[in-house]
Amino acid sequence: MTFQPRGFDFLKDVDVRLTVELGRTQMKLKDVLGLTEESVVMLDKLTDELLDVMVNGKLIARGEVVSQGDRFGLRIVEIAGGEPTEAIAPASKKGAKGDAA
């Protein structure tokens, strides 16, 4: 019997838990027990901030909420550990310390 490595193909069918975190807050237990159907809980994220996408509790991406029909969805905007999507500053700036004039 010979073993032929297939890269990570054998992991493709493993179930994982994908979580999208809207935000967090800290509350005292008495406040949690006081929640009702009309309660509003303020979270630490602003409305224009990207949401955290986690697999088994590990951050893998950030995204934004979209609506498709009568369901919510998520558009992935950036992958964790990837290059930032913002413009990168030029390598040298005039007048920067150590630059020749």
PDB file of N, CA and C in Angstrom:
ATOM      1  N   MET A   1       0.846  -1.178   0.000  1.00  0.00           N
ATOM      2  CA  MET A   1       0.000   0.000   0.000  1.00  0.00           C
ATOM      3  C   MET A   1       0.891   1.239   0.000  1.00  0.00           C
ATOM      4  N   THR A   2       0.620   2.169  -0.887  1.00  0.00           N
ATOM      5  CA  THR A   2       1.406   3.397  -0.954  1.00  0.00           C
ATOM      6  C   THR A   2       0.525   4.578  -0.593  1.00  0.00           C
ATOM      7  N   PHE A   3       1.123   5.555   0.041  1.00  0.00           N
ATOM      8  CA  PHE A   3       0.426   6.777   0.432  1.00  0.00           C
ATOM      9  C   PHE A   3       0.827   7.886  -0.526  1.00  0.00           C
ATOM     10  N   GLN A   4      -0.175   8.506  -1.141  1.00  0.00           N
ATOM     11  CA  GLN A   4       0.107   9.618  -2.046  1.00  0.00           C
ATOM     12  C   GLN A   4      -0.468  10.893  -1.437  1.00  0.00           C
ATOM     13  N   PRO A   5       0.394  11.822  -1.024  1.00  0.00           N
ATOM     14  CA  PRO A   5      -0.099  13.059  -0.422  1.00  0.00           C
ATOM     15  C   PRO A   5      -0.901  13.864  -1.439  1.00  0.00           C
ATOM     16  N   ARG A   6      -2.026  14.420  -0.979  1.00  0.00           N
ATOM     17  CA  ARG A   6      -2.896  15.221  -1.847  1.00  0.00           C
ATOM     18  C   ARG A   6      -3.008  16.648  -1.338  1.00  0.00           C
ATOM     19  N   GLY A   7      -2.015  17.140  -0.668  1.00  0.00           N
ATOM     20  CA  GLY A   7      -2.109  18.474  -0.105  1.00  0.00           C
ATOM     21  C   GLY A   7      -3.138  18.481   1.015  1.00  0.00           C
ATOM     22  N   PHE A   8      -3.997  19.463   1.006  1.00  0.00           N
ATOM     23  CA  PHE A   8      -5.022  19.572   2.042  1.00  0.00           C
ATOM     24  C   PHE A   8      -6.391  19.123   1.546  1.00  0.00           C
ATOM     25  N   ASP A   9      -6.444  18.444   0.418  1.00  0.00           N
ATOM     26  CA  ASP A   9      -7.724  17.994  -0.135  1.00  0.00           C
ATOM     27  C   ASP A   9      -8.529  17.164   0.853  1.00  0.00           C
ATOM     28  N   PHE A  10      -7.856  16.370   1.667  1.00  0.00           N
ATOM     29  CA  PHE A  10      -8.565  15.494   2.590  1.00  0.00           C
ATOM     30  C   PHE A  10      -9.272  16.281   3.700  1.00  0.00           C
ATOM     31  N   LEU A  11      -8.939  17.557   3.889  1.00  0.00           N
ATOM     32  CA  LEU A  11      -9.569  18.380   4.922  1.00  0.00           C
ATOM     33  C   LEU A  11     -10.804  19.129   4.428  1.00  0.00           C
ATOM     34  N   LYS A  12     -11.048  19.117   3.140  1.00  0.00           N
ATOM     35  CA  LYS A  12     -12.118  19.934   2.573  1.00  0.00           C
ATOM     36  C   LYS A  12     -13.507  19.576   3.080  1.00  0.00           C
ATOM     37  N   ASP A  13     -13.724  18.352   3.531  1.00  0.00           N
ATOM     38  CA  ASP A  13     -15.040  17.941   4.003  1.00  0.00           C
ATOM     39  C   ASP A  13     -15.196  18.020   5.517  1.00  0.00           C
ATOM     40  N   VAL A  14     -14.219  18.585   6.215  1.00  0.00           N
ATOM     41  CA  VAL A  14     -14.301  18.720   7.667  1.00  0.00           C
ATOM     42  C   VAL A  14     -15.235  19.875   8.005  1.00  0.00           C
ATOM     43  N   ASP A  15     -16.199  19.622   8.901  1.00  0.00           N
ATOM     44  CA  ASP A  15     -17.121  20.670   9.332  1.00  0.00           C
ATOM     45  C   ASP A  15     -16.424  21.625  10.287  1.00  0.00           C
ATOM     46  N   VAL A  16     -16.640  22.924  10.099  1.00  0.00           N
ATOM     47  CA  VAL A  16     -16.135  23.951  10.996  1.00  0.00           C
ATOM     48  C   VAL A  16     -17.280  24.902  11.319  1.00  0.00           C
ATOM     49  N   ARG A  17     -17.128  25.652  12.397  1.00  0.00           N
ATOM     50  CA  ARG A  17     -18.158  26.628  12.777  1.00  0.00           C
ATOM     51  C   ARG A  17     -17.703  28.006  12.321  1.00  0.00           C
ATOM     52  N   LEU A  18     -18.454  28.610  11.401  1.00  0.00           N
ATOM     53  CA  LEU A  18     -18.177  29.960  10.916  1.00  0.00           C
ATOM     54  C   LEU A  18     -19.065  30.917  11.702  1.00  0.00           C
ATOM     55  N   THR A  19     -18.453  31.920  12.310  1.00  0.00           N
ATOM     56  CA  THR A  19     -19.174  32.888  13.136  1.00  0.00           C
ATOM     57  C   THR A  19     -18.895  34.286  12.620  1.00  0.00           C
ATOM     58  N   VAL A  20     -19.932  35.105  12.559  1.00  0.00           N
ATOM     59  CA  VAL A  20     -19.782  36.517  12.223  1.00  0.00           C
ATOM     60  C   VAL A  20     -20.139  37.296  13.483  1.00  0.00           C
ATOM     61  N   GLU A  21     -19.170  38.061  13.971  1.00  0.00           N
ATOM     62  CA  GLU A  21     -19.383  38.790  15.217  1.00  0.00           C
ATOM     63  C   GLU A  21     -19.783  40.226  14.929  1.00  0.00           C
ATOM     64  N   LEU A  22     -20.972  40.573  15.379  1.00  0.00           N
ATOM     65  CA  LEU A  22     -21.511  41.913  15.190  1.00  0.00           C
ATOM     66  C   LEU A  22     -20.851  42.913  16.137  1.00  0.00           C
ATOM     67  N   GLY A  23     -20.518  42.473  17.323  1.00  0.00           N
ATOM     68  CA  GLY A  23     -19.880  43.337  18.313  1.00  0.00           C
ATOM     69  C   GLY A  23     -19.920  42.680  19.676  1.00  0.00           C
ATOM     70  N   ARG A  24     -19.326  43.359  20.656  1.00  0.00           N
ATOM     71  CA  ARG A  24     -19.272  42.845  22.024  1.00  0.00           C
ATOM     72  C   ARG A  24     -19.612  43.943  23.014  1.00  0.00           C
ATOM     73  N   THR A  25     -19.955  43.516  24.205  1.00  0.00           N
ATOM     74  CA  THR A  25     -20.157  44.442  25.313  1.00  0.00           C
ATOM     75  C   THR A  25     -19.977  43.685  26.611  1.00  0.00           C
ATOM     76  N   GLN A  26     -19.748  44.402  27.679  1.00  0.00           N
ATOM     77  CA  GLN A  26     -19.692  43.807  29.012  1.00  0.00           C
ATOM     78  C   GLN A  26     -20.873  44.335  29.789  1.00  0.00           C
ATOM     79  N   MET A  27     -21.538  43.438  30.498  1.00  0.00           N
ATOM     80  CA  MET A  27     -22.693  43.825  31.299  1.00  0.00           C
ATOM     81  C   MET A  27     -22.619  43.115  32.637  1.00  0.00           C
ATOM     82  N   LYS A  28     -23.218  43.714  33.637  1.00  0.00           N
ATOM     83  CA  LYS A  28     -23.366  43.051  34.921  1.00  0.00           C
ATOM     84  C   LYS A  28     -24.508  42.045  34.791  1.00  0.00           C
ATOM     85  N   LEU A  29     -24.424  40.969  35.544  1.00  0.00           N
ATOM     86  CA  LEU A  29     -25.435  39.924  35.476  1.00  0.00           C
ATOM     87  C   LEU A  29     -26.824  40.477  35.766  1.00  0.00           C
ATOM     88  N   LYS A  30     -26.935  41.416  36.697  1.00  0.00           N
ATOM     89  CA  LYS A  30     -28.255  41.987  37.015  1.00  0.00           C
ATOM     90  C   LYS A  30     -28.849  42.689  35.800  1.00  0.00           C
ATOM     91  N   ASP A  31     -27.980  43.305  34.954  1.00  0.00           N
ATOM     92  CA  ASP A  31     -28.471  43.969  33.747  1.00  0.00           C
ATOM     93  C   ASP A  31     -28.906  42.949  32.695  1.00  0.00           C
ATOM     94  N   VAL A  32     -28.175  41.848  32.594  1.00  0.00           N
ATOM     95  CA  VAL A  32     -28.560  40.776  31.665  1.00  0.00           C
ATOM     96  C   VAL A  32     -29.913  40.203  32.074  1.00  0.00           C
ATOM     97  N   LEU A  33     -30.093  39.970  33.363  1.00  0.00           N
ATOM     98  CA  LEU A  33     -31.355  39.413  33.864  1.00  0.00           C
ATOM     99  C   LEU A  33     -32.513  40.386  33.666  1.00  0.00           C
ATOM    100  N   GLY A  34     -32.203  41.681  33.532  1.00  0.00           N
ATOM    101  CA  GLY A  34     -33.237  42.692  33.337  1.00  0.00           C
ATOM    102  C   GLY A  34     -33.623  42.917  31.880  1.00  0.00           C
ATOM    103  N   LEU A  35     -32.990  42.208  30.927  1.00  0.00           N
ATOM    104  CA  LEU A  35     -33.311  42.386  29.508  1.00  0.00           C
ATOM    105  C   LEU A  35     -34.730  41.916  29.213  1.00  0.00           C
ATOM    106  N   THR A  36     -35.402  42.673  28.372  1.00  0.00           N
ATOM    107  CA  THR A  36     -36.751  42.307  27.930  1.00  0.00           C
ATOM    108  C   THR A  36     -36.783  42.322  26.405  1.00  0.00           C
ATOM    109  N   GLU A  37     -37.934  42.042  25.835  1.00  0.00           N
ATOM    110  CA  GLU A  37     -38.067  42.015  24.369  1.00  0.00           C
ATOM    111  C   GLU A  37     -37.778  43.366  23.724  1.00  0.00           C
ATOM    112  N   GLU A  38     -37.945  44.456  24.411  1.00  0.00           N
ATOM    113  CA  GLU A  38     -37.721  45.792  23.842  1.00  0.00           C
ATOM    114  C   GLU A  38     -36.370  46.380  24.239  1.00  0.00           C
ATOM    115  N   SER A  39     -35.533  45.620  24.938  1.00  0.00           N
ATOM    116  CA  SER A  39     -34.235  46.124  25.386  1.00  0.00           C
ATOM    117  C   SER A  39     -33.299  46.342  24.205  1.00  0.00           C
ATOM    118  N   VAL A  40     -32.443  47.349  24.332  1.00  0.00           N
ATOM    119  CA  VAL A  40     -31.405  47.625  23.345  1.00  0.00           C
ATOM    120  C   VAL A  40     -30.066  47.479  24.051  1.00  0.00           C
ATOM    121  N   VAL A  41     -29.184  46.680  23.485  1.00  0.00           N
ATOM    122  CA  VAL A  41     -27.853  46.472  24.045  1.00  0.00           C
ATOM    123  C   VAL A  41     -26.855  47.132  23.103  1.00  0.00           C
ATOM    124  N   MET A  42     -26.122  48.114  23.608  1.00  0.00           N
ATOM    125  CA  MET A  42     -25.136  48.811  22.793  1.00  0.00           C
ATOM    126  C   MET A  42     -23.873  47.963  22.700  1.00  0.00           C
ATOM    127  N   LEU A  43     -23.345  47.838  21.482  1.00  0.00           N
ATOM    128  CA  LEU A  43     -22.146  47.045  21.230  1.00  0.00           C
ATOM    129  C   LEU A  43     -20.957  47.960  20.976  1.00  0.00           C
ATOM    130  N   ASP A  44     -19.766  47.382  20.961  1.00  0.00           N
ATOM    131  CA  ASP A  44     -18.537  48.171  20.822  1.00  0.00           C
ATOM    132  C   ASP A  44     -18.201  48.553  19.387  1.00  0.00           C
ATOM    133  N   LYS A  45     -18.921  48.051  18.407  1.00  0.00           N
ATOM    134  CA  LYS A  45     -18.636  48.371  16.999  1.00  0.00           C
ATOM    135  C   LYS A  45     -19.523  49.518  16.533  1.00  0.00           C
ATOM    136  N   LEU A  46     -18.968  50.332  15.637  1.00  0.00           N
ATOM    137  CA  LEU A  46     -19.746  51.386  14.999  1.00  0.00           C
ATOM    138  C   LEU A  46     -20.442  50.805  13.771  1.00  0.00           C
ATOM    139  N   THR A  47     -21.455  51.480  13.289  1.00  0.00           N
ATOM    140  CA  THR A  47     -22.244  50.950  12.172  1.00  0.00           C
ATOM    141  C   THR A  47     -21.452  50.807  10.883  1.00  0.00           C
ATOM    142  N   ASP A  48     -20.392  51.583  10.713  1.00  0.00           N
ATOM    143  CA  ASP A  48     -19.618  51.498   9.472  1.00  0.00           C
ATOM    144  C   ASP A  48     -18.364  50.629   9.603  1.00  0.00           C
ATOM    145  N   GLU A  49     -18.171  49.981  10.749  1.00  0.00           N
ATOM    146  CA  GLU A  49     -17.016  49.098  10.937  1.00  0.00           C
ATOM    147  C   GLU A  49     -17.284  47.729  10.340  1.00  0.00           C
ATOM    148  N   LEU A  50     -16.224  47.082   9.876  1.00  0.00           N
ATOM    149  CA  LEU A  50     -16.347  45.736   9.340  1.00  0.00           C
ATOM    150  C   LEU A  50     -16.589  44.738  10.463  1.00  0.00           C
ATOM    151  N   LEU A  51     -17.294  43.663  10.147  1.00  0.00           N
ATOM    152  CA  LEU A  51     -17.587  42.609  11.115  1.00  0.00           C
ATOM    153  C   LEU A  51     -16.494  41.553  11.065  1.00  0.00           C
ATOM    154  N   ASP A  52     -16.225  40.937  12.213  1.00  0.00           N
ATOM    155  CA  ASP A  52     -15.218  39.881  12.291  1.00  0.00           C
ATOM    156  C   ASP A  52     -15.815  38.553  11.854  1.00  0.00           C
ATOM    157  N   VAL A  53     -15.103  37.830  10.987  1.00  0.00           N
ATOM    158  CA  VAL A  53     -15.504  36.503  10.523  1.00  0.00           C
ATOM    159  C   VAL A  53     -14.511  35.517  11.118  1.00  0.00           C
ATOM    160  N   MET A  54     -15.031  34.556  11.892  1.00  0.00           N
ATOM    161  CA  MET A  54     -14.147  33.619  12.584  1.00  0.00           C
ATOM    162  C   MET A  54     -14.514  32.180  12.232  1.00  0.00           C
ATOM    163  N   VAL A  55     -13.493  31.333  12.163  1.00  0.00           N
ATOM    164  CA  VAL A  55     -13.689  29.895  12.000  1.00  0.00           C
ATOM    165  C   VAL A  55     -13.160  29.246  13.267  1.00  0.00           C
ATOM    166  N   ASN A  56     -14.050  28.549  13.951  1.00  0.00           N
ATOM    167  CA  ASN A  56     -13.713  27.901  15.229  1.00  0.00           C
ATOM    168  C   ASN A  56     -13.031  28.877  16.189  1.00  0.00           C
ATOM    169  N   GLY A  57     -13.502  30.129  16.214  1.00  0.00           N
ATOM    170  CA  GLY A  57     -12.988  31.132  17.140  1.00  0.00           C
ATOM    171  C   GLY A  57     -11.763  31.884  16.680  1.00  0.00           C
ATOM    172  N   LYS A  58     -11.218  31.557  15.519  1.00  0.00           N
ATOM    173  CA  LYS A  58     -10.024  32.241  15.005  1.00  0.00           C
ATOM    174  C   LYS A  58     -10.423  33.202  13.890  1.00  0.00           C
ATOM    175  N   LEU A  59      -9.988  34.450  14.014  1.00  0.00           N
ATOM    176  CA  LEU A  59     -10.293  35.467  13.014  1.00  0.00           C
ATOM    177  C   LEU A  59      -9.665  35.095  11.674  1.00  0.00           C
ATOM    178  N   ILE A  60     -10.497  35.023  10.624  1.00  0.00           N
ATOM    179  CA  ILE A  60      -9.970  34.702   9.296  1.00  0.00           C
ATOM    180  C   ILE A  60     -10.224  35.811   8.290  1.00  0.00           C
ATOM    181  N   ALA A  61     -11.226  36.681   8.562  1.00  0.00           N
ATOM    182  CA  ALA A  61     -11.571  37.723   7.588  1.00  0.00           C
ATOM    183  C   ALA A  61     -12.426  38.785   8.267  1.00  0.00           C
ATOM    184  N   ARG A  62     -12.689  39.844   7.510  1.00  0.00           N
ATOM    185  CA  ARG A  62     -13.638  40.889   7.929  1.00  0.00           C
ATOM    186  C   ARG A  62     -14.560  41.149   6.759  1.00  0.00           C
ATOM    187  N   GLY A  63     -15.804  41.504   7.082  1.00  0.00           N
ATOM    188  CA  GLY A  63     -16.766  41.718   6.019  1.00  0.00           C
ATOM    189  C   GLY A  63     -17.870  42.670   6.414  1.00  0.00           C
ATOM    190  N   GLU A  64     -18.818  42.822   5.489  1.00  0.00           N
ATOM    191  CA  GLU A  64     -19.949  43.715   5.721  1.00  0.00           C
ATOM    192  C   GLU A  64     -21.249  42.984   5.419  1.00  0.00           C
ATOM    193  N   VAL A  65     -22.300  43.403   6.109  1.00  0.00           N
ATOM    194  CA  VAL A  65     -23.601  42.763   5.949  1.00  0.00           C
ATOM    195  C   VAL A  65     -24.220  43.183   4.631  1.00  0.00           C
ATOM    196  N   VAL A  66     -24.809  42.219   3.934  1.00  0.00           N
ATOM    197  CA  VAL A  66     -25.580  42.483   2.724  1.00  0.00           C
ATOM    198  C   VAL A  66     -26.929  41.808   2.878  1.00  0.00           C
ATOM    199  N   SER A  67     -27.880  42.226   2.076  1.00  0.00           N
ATOM    200  CA  SER A  67     -29.206  41.629   2.102  1.00  0.00           C
ATOM    201  C   SER A  67     -29.486  41.035   0.733  1.00  0.00           C
ATOM    202  N   GLN A  68     -29.900  39.773   0.715  1.00  0.00           N
ATOM    203  CA  GLN A  68     -30.278  39.120  -0.535  1.00  0.00           C
ATOM    204  C   GLN A  68     -31.662  38.524  -0.334  1.00  0.00           C
ATOM    205  N   GLY A  69     -32.640  39.155  -0.954  1.00  0.00           N
ATOM    206  CA  GLY A  69     -34.015  38.714  -0.749  1.00  0.00           C
ATOM    207  C   GLY A  69     -34.411  38.987   0.692  1.00  0.00           C
ATOM    208  N   ASP A  70     -34.899  37.958   1.379  1.00  0.00           N
ATOM    209  CA  ASP A  70     -35.318  38.132   2.761  1.00  0.00           C
ATOM    210  C   ASP A  70     -34.291  37.580   3.744  1.00  0.00           C
ATOM    211  N   ARG A  71     -33.042  37.434   3.305  1.00  0.00           N
ATOM    212  CA  ARG A  71     -31.985  36.882   4.158  1.00  0.00           C
ATOM    213  C   ARG A  71     -30.804  37.841   4.244  1.00  0.00           C
ATOM    214  N   PHE A  72     -30.083  37.740   5.354  1.00  0.00           N
ATOM    215  CA  PHE A  72     -28.836  38.471   5.504  1.00  0.00           C
ATOM    216  C   PHE A  72     -27.707  37.640   4.924  1.00  0.00           C
ATOM    217  N   GLY A  73     -26.689  38.312   4.442  1.00  0.00           N
ATOM    218  CA  GLY A  73     -25.495  37.646   3.959  1.00  0.00           C
ATOM    219  C   GLY A  73     -24.288  38.450   4.385  1.00  0.00           C
ATOM    220  N   LEU A  74     -23.124  38.013   3.974  1.00  0.00           N
ATOM    221  CA  LEU A  74     -21.890  38.692   4.333  1.00  0.00           C
ATOM    222  C   LEU A  74     -20.994  38.779   3.117  1.00  0.00           C
ATOM    223  N   ARG A  75     -20.498  39.978   2.826  1.00  0.00           N
ATOM    224  CA  ARG A  75     -19.528  40.169   1.753  1.00  0.00           C
ATOM    225  C   ARG A  75     -18.156  40.274   2.400  1.00  0.00           C
ATOM    226  N   ILE A  76     -17.249  39.384   2.032  1.00  0.00           N
ATOM    227  CA  ILE A  76     -15.895  39.417   2.574  1.00  0.00           C
ATOM    228  C   ILE A  76     -15.159  40.593   1.942  1.00  0.00           C
ATOM    229  N   VAL A  77     -14.607  41.451   2.789  1.00  0.00           N
ATOM    230  CA  VAL A  77     -13.909  42.645   2.324  1.00  0.00           C
ATOM    231  C   VAL A  77     -12.396  42.469   2.424  1.00  0.00           C
ATOM    232  N   GLU A  78     -11.942  41.820   3.482  1.00  0.00           N
ATOM    233  CA  GLU A  78     -10.500  41.596   3.623  1.00  0.00           C
ATOM    234  C   GLU A  78     -10.252  40.272   4.340  1.00  0.00           C
ATOM    235  N   ILE A  79      -9.163  39.640   3.981  1.00  0.00           N
ATOM    236  CA  ILE A  79      -8.747  38.383   4.582  1.00  0.00           C
ATOM    237  C   ILE A  79      -7.727  38.700   5.673  1.00  0.00           C
ATOM    238  N   ALA A  80      -7.871  38.110   6.837  1.00  0.00           N
ATOM    239  CA  ALA A  80      -6.944  38.363   7.950  1.00  0.00           C
ATOM    240  C   ALA A  80      -5.533  37.948   7.552  1.00  0.00           C
ATOM    241  N   GLY A  81      -4.570  38.783   7.895  1.00  0.00           N
ATOM    242  CA  GLY A  81      -3.175  38.478   7.587  1.00  0.00           C
ATOM    243  C   GLY A  81      -2.778  38.835   6.169  1.00  0.00           C
ATOM    244  N   GLY A  82      -3.729  39.263   5.362  1.00  0.00           N
ATOM    245  CA  GLY A  82      -3.420  39.665   3.993  1.00  0.00           C
ATOM    246  C   GLY A  82      -2.943  41.101   3.946  1.00  0.00           C
ATOM    247  N   GLU A  83      -2.647  41.555   2.765  1.00  0.00           N
ATOM    248  CA  GLU A  83      -2.218  42.939   2.578  1.00  0.00           C
ATOM    249  C   GLU A  83      -3.388  43.872   2.868  1.00  0.00           C
ATOM    250  N   PRO A  84      -3.135  45.010   3.529  1.00  0.00           N
ATOM    251  CA  PRO A  84      -4.206  45.977   3.759  1.00  0.00           C
ATOM    252  C   PRO A  84      -4.727  46.509   2.435  1.00  0.00           C
ATOM    253  N   THR A  85      -6.021  46.830   2.406  1.00  0.00           N
ATOM    254  CA  THR A  85      -6.628  47.309   1.173  1.00  0.00           C
ATOM    255  C   THR A  85      -6.388  48.805   0.962  1.00  0.00           C
ATOM    256  N   GLU A  86      -5.929  49.519   1.996  1.00  0.00           N
ATOM    257  CA  GLU A  86      -5.666  50.943   1.861  1.00  0.00           C
ATOM    258  C   GLU A  86      -4.384  51.163   1.061  1.00  0.00           C
ATOM    259  N   ALA A  87      -4.281  52.343   0.479  1.00  0.00           N
ATOM    260  CA  ALA A  87      -3.088  52.661  -0.302  1.00  0.00           C
ATOM    261  C   ALA A  87      -1.865  52.658   0.602  1.00  0.00           C
ATOM    262  N   ILE A  88      -0.779  52.125   0.104  1.00  0.00           N
ATOM    263  CA  ILE A  88       0.466  52.074   0.857  1.00  0.00           C
ATOM    264  C   ILE A  88       1.248  53.346   0.570  1.00  0.00           C
ATOM    265  N   ALA A  89       1.785  53.939   1.626  1.00  0.00           N
ATOM    266  CA  ALA A  89       2.536  55.187   1.476  1.00  0.00           C
ATOM    267  C   ALA A  89       3.781  54.946   0.641  1.00  0.00           C
ATOM    268  N   PRO A  90       4.224  55.950  -0.116  1.00  0.00           N
ATOM    269  CA  PRO A  90       5.446  55.813  -0.912  1.00  0.00           C
ATOM    270  C   PRO A  90       6.629  55.487  -0.023  1.00  0.00           C
ATOM    271  N   ALA A  91       7.631  54.821  -0.580  1.00  0.00           N
ATOM    272  CA  ALA A  91       8.802  54.384   0.183  1.00  0.00           C
ATOM    273  C   ALA A  91       9.592  55.550   0.746  1.00  0.00           C
ATOM    274  N   SER A  92       9.700  56.640   0.003  1.00  0.00           N
ATOM    275  CA  SER A  92      10.448  57.790   0.522  1.00  0.00           C
ATOM    276  C   SER A  92       9.607  59.037   0.401  1.00  0.00           C
ATOM    277  N   LYS A  93       9.734  59.890   1.435  1.00  0.00           N
ATOM    278  CA  LYS A  93       9.008  61.146   1.448  1.00  0.00           C
ATOM    279  C   LYS A  93      10.034  62.272   1.526  1.00  0.00           C
ATOM    280  N   LYS A  94       9.773  63.379   0.862  1.00  0.00           N
ATOM    281  CA  LYS A  94      10.681  64.522   0.923  1.00  0.00           C
ATOM    282  C   LYS A  94      10.725  65.039   2.338  1.00  0.00           C
ATOM    283  N   GLY A  95      11.931  65.372   2.774  1.00  0.00           N
ATOM    284  CA  GLY A  95      12.087  65.963   4.089  1.00  0.00           C
ATOM    285  C   GLY A  95      12.075  64.944   5.221  1.00  0.00           C
ATOM    286  N   ALA A  96      11.964  63.683   4.906  1.00  0.00           N
ATOM    287  CA  ALA A  96      11.972  62.675   5.968  1.00  0.00           C
ATOM    288  C   ALA A  96      13.378  62.561   6.517  1.00  0.00           C
ATOM    289  N   LYS A  97      13.466  62.271   7.803  1.00  0.00           N
ATOM    290  CA  LYS A  97      14.754  62.159   8.467  1.00  0.00           C
ATOM    291  C   LYS A  97      15.634  61.127   7.773  1.00  0.00           C
ATOM    292  N   GLY A  98      16.858  61.489   7.485  1.00  0.00           N
ATOM    293  CA  GLY A  98      17.788  60.561   6.860  1.00  0.00           C
ATOM    294  C   GLY A  98      17.802  60.599   5.356  1.00  0.00           C
ATOM    295  N   ASP A  99      16.850  61.295   4.727  1.00  0.00           N
ATOM    296  CA  ASP A  99      16.837  61.405   3.266  1.00  0.00           C
ATOM    297  C   ASP A  99      17.778  62.523   2.831  1.00  0.00           C
ATOM    298  N   ALA A 100      18.431  62.319   1.723  1.00  0.00           N
ATOM    299  CA  ALA A 100      19.286  63.364   1.166  1.00  0.00           C
ATOM    300  C   ALA A 100      18.424  64.388   0.457  1.00  0.00           C
ATOM    301  N   ALA A 101      18.803  65.663   0.564  1.00  0.00           N
ATOM    302  CA  ALA A 101      18.012  66.737  -0.068  1.00  0.00           C
ATOM    303  C   ALA A 101      18.364  66.880  -1.526  1.00  0.00           C
TER     304      ALA A 101
END
